[in-house]
Amino acid sequence: MKKYRVFVATNNNRFDNALFSSDIRQTQSASQELIDTVSSRREVYVAMPGSDDLKFLEMTGADAAAGGPGNLSIIIKENPQRLT
């Protein structure tokens, strides 16, 4: 399993305006170089089809999420997007 931190926003946090604003920047696929750089510092896991991790990401509308002790474990979808 390939390892891959992204903040999961909910409607009840102080980041709502930045993440859900109409002024938000465009997204593009995260490069393999970015994923490799992050995974050199954190444990990054690709959420597999049918897994609870993928169901969680789909339920929250996120491409990735950090969790575990110190938010050092990261789960990502197979083709994560990043803000540009």
N, C-alpha and C. Protein backbone atom coordinates (compact mmCIF):
# COMPACT_ATOMS: atom_id res chain seq x y z
N MET A 1 0.84 -1.17 0.00
CA MET A 1 0.00 0.00 0.00
C MET A 1 0.90 1.24 0.00
N LYS A 2 0.67 2.12 -0.95
CA LYS A 2 1.46 3.35 -1.04
C LYS A 2 1.00 4.34 0.02
N LYS A 3 1.94 4.96 0.69
CA LYS A 3 1.64 5.93 1.73
C LYS A 3 1.48 7.35 1.16
N TYR A 4 0.53 8.25 1.62
CA TYR A 4 0.35 9.67 1.23
C TYR A 4 -0.07 10.59 2.39
N ARG A 5 -1.56 15.08 3.84
CA ARG A 5 -2.19 15.68 4.99
C ARG A 5 -3.11 16.71 4.40
N VAL A 6 -4.12 16.44 4.48
CA VAL A 6 -5.05 17.45 4.05
C VAL A 6 -6.11 17.64 5.12
N PHE A 7 -6.44 18.86 5.41
CA PHE A 7 -7.43 19.19 6.43
C PHE A 7 -8.82 18.89 5.90
N VAL A 8 -9.58 18.16 6.66
CA VAL A 8 -10.96 17.88 6.28
C VAL A 8 -11.85 18.93 6.92
N ALA A 9 -12.51 19.71 6.08
CA ALA A 9 -13.35 20.80 6.58
C ALA A 9 -14.78 20.33 6.79
N THR A 10 -15.40 20.84 7.81
CA THR A 10 -16.83 20.62 8.02
C THR A 10 -17.49 21.99 8.03
N ASN A 11 -18.78 22.02 8.01
CA ASN A 11 -19.49 23.29 8.01
C ASN A 11 -19.44 24.01 9.36
N ASN A 12 -18.83 23.40 10.36
CA ASN A 12 -18.81 23.98 11.70
C ASN A 12 -17.44 24.52 12.11
N ASN A 13 -16.54 24.75 11.19
CA ASN A 13 -15.22 25.21 11.60
C ASN A 13 -14.90 26.59 11.03
N ARG A 14 -13.83 27.15 11.50
CA ARG A 14 -13.48 28.52 11.13
C ARG A 14 -12.88 28.63 9.74
N PHE A 15 -12.67 27.52 9.05
CA PHE A 15 -12.08 27.55 7.72
C PHE A 15 -13.14 27.55 6.62
N ASP A 16 -14.40 27.56 6.99
CA ASP A 16 -15.48 27.50 6.00
C ASP A 16 -15.33 28.54 4.90
N ASN A 17 -15.10 29.78 5.27
CA ASN A 17 -15.04 30.84 4.26
C ASN A 17 -13.93 30.61 3.26
N ALA A 18 -12.79 30.12 3.72
CA ALA A 18 -11.67 29.91 2.81
C ALA A 18 -11.88 28.70 1.91
N LEU A 19 -12.44 27.61 2.45
CA LEU A 19 -12.55 26.39 1.69
C LEU A 19 -13.77 26.33 0.79
N PHE A 20 -14.84 27.02 1.16
CA PHE A 20 -16.06 26.92 0.40
C PHE A 20 -16.44 28.22 -0.29
N SER A 21 -15.54 29.17 -0.32
CA SER A 21 -15.79 30.47 -0.93
C SER A 21 -15.83 30.36 -2.45
N SER A 22 -16.57 31.25 -3.08
CA SER A 22 -16.58 31.29 -4.54
C SER A 22 -15.24 31.83 -5.06
N ASP A 23 -14.43 32.40 -4.16
CA ASP A 23 -13.12 32.93 -4.55
C ASP A 23 -12.03 31.86 -4.51
N ILE A 24 -12.40 30.61 -4.23
CA ILE A 24 -11.40 29.56 -4.10
C ILE A 24 -10.67 29.35 -5.43
N ARG A 25 -9.42 29.02 -5.31
CA ARG A 25 -8.61 28.80 -6.50
C ARG A 25 -8.97 27.49 -7.19
N GLN A 26 -8.41 27.27 -8.33
CA GLN A 26 -8.65 26.06 -9.10
C GLN A 26 -7.94 24.87 -8.46
N THR A 27 -8.30 23.66 -8.91
CA THR A 27 -7.62 22.45 -8.44
C THR A 27 -6.95 21.78 -9.62
N GLN A 28 -5.98 20.96 -9.31
CA GLN A 28 -5.32 20.13 -10.31
C GLN A 28 -4.86 18.87 -9.62
N SER A 29 -4.56 17.87 -10.40
CA SER A 29 -4.09 16.60 -9.82
C SER A 29 -2.79 16.83 -9.05
N ALA A 30 -2.70 16.20 -7.90
CA ALA A 30 -1.46 16.27 -7.12
C ALA A 30 -0.39 15.47 -7.86
N SER A 31 0.77 16.06 -8.02
CA SER A 31 1.85 15.38 -8.74
C SER A 31 2.44 14.26 -7.88
N GLN A 32 3.04 13.30 -8.55
CA GLN A 32 3.69 12.21 -7.83
C GLN A 32 4.83 12.77 -6.97
N GLU A 33 5.49 13.83 -7.44
CA GLU A 33 6.56 14.46 -6.67
C GLU A 33 6.02 15.02 -5.35
N LEU A 34 4.86 15.67 -5.38
CA LEU A 34 4.24 16.19 -4.16
C LEU A 34 3.88 15.05 -3.21
N ILE A 35 3.28 14.02 -3.74
CA ILE A 35 2.89 12.87 -2.91
C ILE A 35 4.13 12.22 -2.29
N ASP A 36 5.19 12.06 -3.06
CA ASP A 36 6.42 11.47 -2.54
C ASP A 36 7.05 12.34 -1.46
N THR A 37 7.02 13.66 -1.64
CA THR A 37 7.58 14.58 -0.64
C THR A 37 6.81 14.49 0.67
N VAL A 38 5.48 14.50 0.58
CA VAL A 38 4.65 14.38 1.78
C VAL A 38 4.88 13.04 2.45
N SER A 39 4.95 11.97 1.65
CA SER A 39 5.11 10.64 2.24
C SER A 39 6.50 10.42 2.83
N SER A 40 7.46 11.28 2.51
CA SER A 40 8.77 11.17 3.16
C SER A 40 8.72 11.74 4.58
N ARG A 41 7.65 12.50 4.90
CA ARG A 41 7.52 13.12 6.21
C ARG A 41 6.37 12.55 7.04
N ARG A 42 5.40 11.93 6.38
CA ARG A 42 4.21 11.40 7.04
C ARG A 42 3.90 10.02 6.49
N GLU A 43 3.08 9.26 7.21
CA GLU A 43 2.59 7.99 6.70
C GLU A 43 1.40 8.29 5.80
N VAL A 44 1.49 7.95 4.53
CA VAL A 44 0.43 8.25 3.57
C VAL A 44 -0.08 6.94 2.99
N TYR A 45 -1.42 6.78 3.03
CA TYR A 45 -2.04 5.56 2.54
C TYR A 45 -3.08 5.89 1.47
N VAL A 46 -3.09 5.11 0.41
CA VAL A 46 -4.09 5.27 -0.63
C VAL A 46 -5.33 4.49 -0.20
N ALA A 47 -6.48 5.16 -0.20
CA ALA A 47 -7.74 4.51 0.17
C ALA A 47 -8.17 3.60 -0.98
N MET A 48 -8.31 2.34 -0.70
CA MET A 48 -8.65 1.35 -1.72
C MET A 48 -10.16 1.30 -1.94
N PRO A 49 -10.59 0.94 -3.17
CA PRO A 49 -12.03 0.83 -3.44
C PRO A 49 -12.70 -0.13 -2.46
N GLY A 50 -13.85 0.29 -1.93
CA GLY A 50 -14.61 -0.52 -1.00
C GLY A 50 -14.16 -0.41 0.45
N SER A 51 -13.05 0.31 0.70
CA SER A 51 -12.55 0.42 2.07
C SER A 51 -13.32 1.47 2.86
N ASP A 52 -13.26 1.36 4.19
CA ASP A 52 -13.89 2.36 5.05
C ASP A 52 -13.21 3.72 4.86
N ASP A 53 -11.91 3.71 4.60
CA ASP A 53 -11.19 4.97 4.37
C ASP A 53 -11.76 5.71 3.16
N LEU A 54 -12.00 4.99 2.08
CA LEU A 54 -12.56 5.63 0.88
C LEU A 54 -13.98 6.10 1.14
N LYS A 55 -14.75 5.31 1.85
CA LYS A 55 -16.12 5.72 2.19
C LYS A 55 -16.10 7.01 3.01
N PHE A 56 -15.15 7.10 3.96
CA PHE A 56 -15.02 8.32 4.77
C PHE A 56 -14.69 9.53 3.90
N LEU A 57 -13.72 9.38 3.00
CA LEU A 57 -13.34 10.49 2.14
C LEU A 57 -14.51 10.93 1.26
N GLU A 58 -15.24 9.98 0.71
CA GLU A 58 -16.39 10.31 -0.13
C GLU A 58 -17.49 10.98 0.68
N MET A 59 -17.71 10.51 1.90
CA MET A 59 -18.75 11.09 2.75
C MET A 59 -18.43 12.54 3.11
N THR A 60 -17.15 12.84 3.33
CA THR A 60 -16.75 14.20 3.71
C THR A 60 -16.46 15.08 2.51
N GLY A 61 -16.43 14.51 1.31
CA GLY A 61 -16.14 15.30 0.12
C GLY A 61 -14.69 15.72 0.02
N ALA A 62 -13.81 14.96 0.64
CA ALA A 62 -12.38 15.30 0.65
C ALA A 62 -11.59 14.34 -0.23
N ASP A 63 -10.46 14.80 -0.72
CA ASP A 63 -9.55 13.93 -1.46
C ASP A 63 -8.52 13.30 -0.54
N ALA A 64 -8.36 13.86 0.66
CA ALA A 64 -7.40 13.35 1.63
C ALA A 64 -7.81 13.81 3.02
N ALA A 65 -7.30 13.12 4.03
CA ALA A 65 -7.57 13.49 5.42
C ALA A 65 -6.42 13.03 6.30
N ALA A 66 -6.10 13.86 7.29
CA ALA A 66 -5.06 13.52 8.26
C ALA A 66 -5.72 13.01 9.52
N GLY A 67 -5.08 12.09 10.20
CA GLY A 67 -5.63 11.56 11.44
C GLY A 67 -4.57 10.83 12.23
N GLY A 68 -5.01 10.13 13.24
CA GLY A 68 -4.09 9.40 14.10
C GLY A 68 -3.40 10.32 15.08
N PRO A 69 -2.53 9.78 15.91
CA PRO A 69 -1.81 10.60 16.88
C PRO A 69 -1.01 11.71 16.19
N GLY A 70 -1.29 12.95 16.55
CA GLY A 70 -0.59 14.08 15.97
C GLY A 70 -0.94 14.35 14.52
N ASN A 71 -2.01 13.75 14.02
CA ASN A 71 -2.40 13.88 12.60
C ASN A 71 -1.26 13.54 11.66
N LEU A 72 -0.51 12.48 12.00
CA LEU A 72 0.65 12.11 11.20
C LEU A 72 0.34 11.04 10.15
N SER A 73 -0.84 10.45 10.19
CA SER A 73 -1.25 9.48 9.18
C SER A 73 -2.20 10.17 8.21
N ILE A 74 -2.01 9.94 6.93
CA ILE A 74 -2.80 10.59 5.90
C ILE A 74 -3.37 9.54 4.97
N ILE A 75 -4.67 9.67 4.70
CA ILE A 75 -5.28 8.81 3.69
C ILE A 75 -5.64 9.69 2.50
N ILE A 76 -5.44 9.16 1.29
CA ILE A 76 -5.77 9.92 0.09
C ILE A 76 -6.55 9.04 -0.87
N LYS A 77 -7.30 9.68 -1.76
CA LYS A 77 -7.92 8.96 -2.86
C LYS A 77 -6.84 8.63 -3.87
N GLU A 78 -7.15 7.74 -4.81
CA GLU A 78 -6.16 7.32 -5.81
C GLU A 78 -5.63 8.48 -6.64
N ASN A 79 -6.46 9.42 -7.02
CA ASN A 79 -6.04 10.57 -7.82
C ASN A 79 -6.41 11.85 -7.10
N PRO A 80 -5.67 12.20 -6.03
CA PRO A 80 -6.04 13.36 -5.23
C PRO A 80 -5.84 14.67 -5.99
N GLN A 81 -6.68 15.67 -5.66
CA GLN A 81 -6.58 17.01 -6.23
C GLN A 81 -5.93 17.92 -5.21
N ARG A 82 -5.30 18.98 -5.69
CA ARG A 82 -4.74 19.99 -4.79
C ARG A 82 -5.16 21.36 -5.28
N LEU A 83 -5.18 22.32 -4.34
CA LEU A 83 -5.48 23.70 -4.73
C LEU A 83 -4.28 24.30 -5.43
N THR A 84 -4.54 25.12 -6.44
CA THR A 84 -3.42 25.77 -7.14
C THR A 84 -3.39 27.24 -6.85
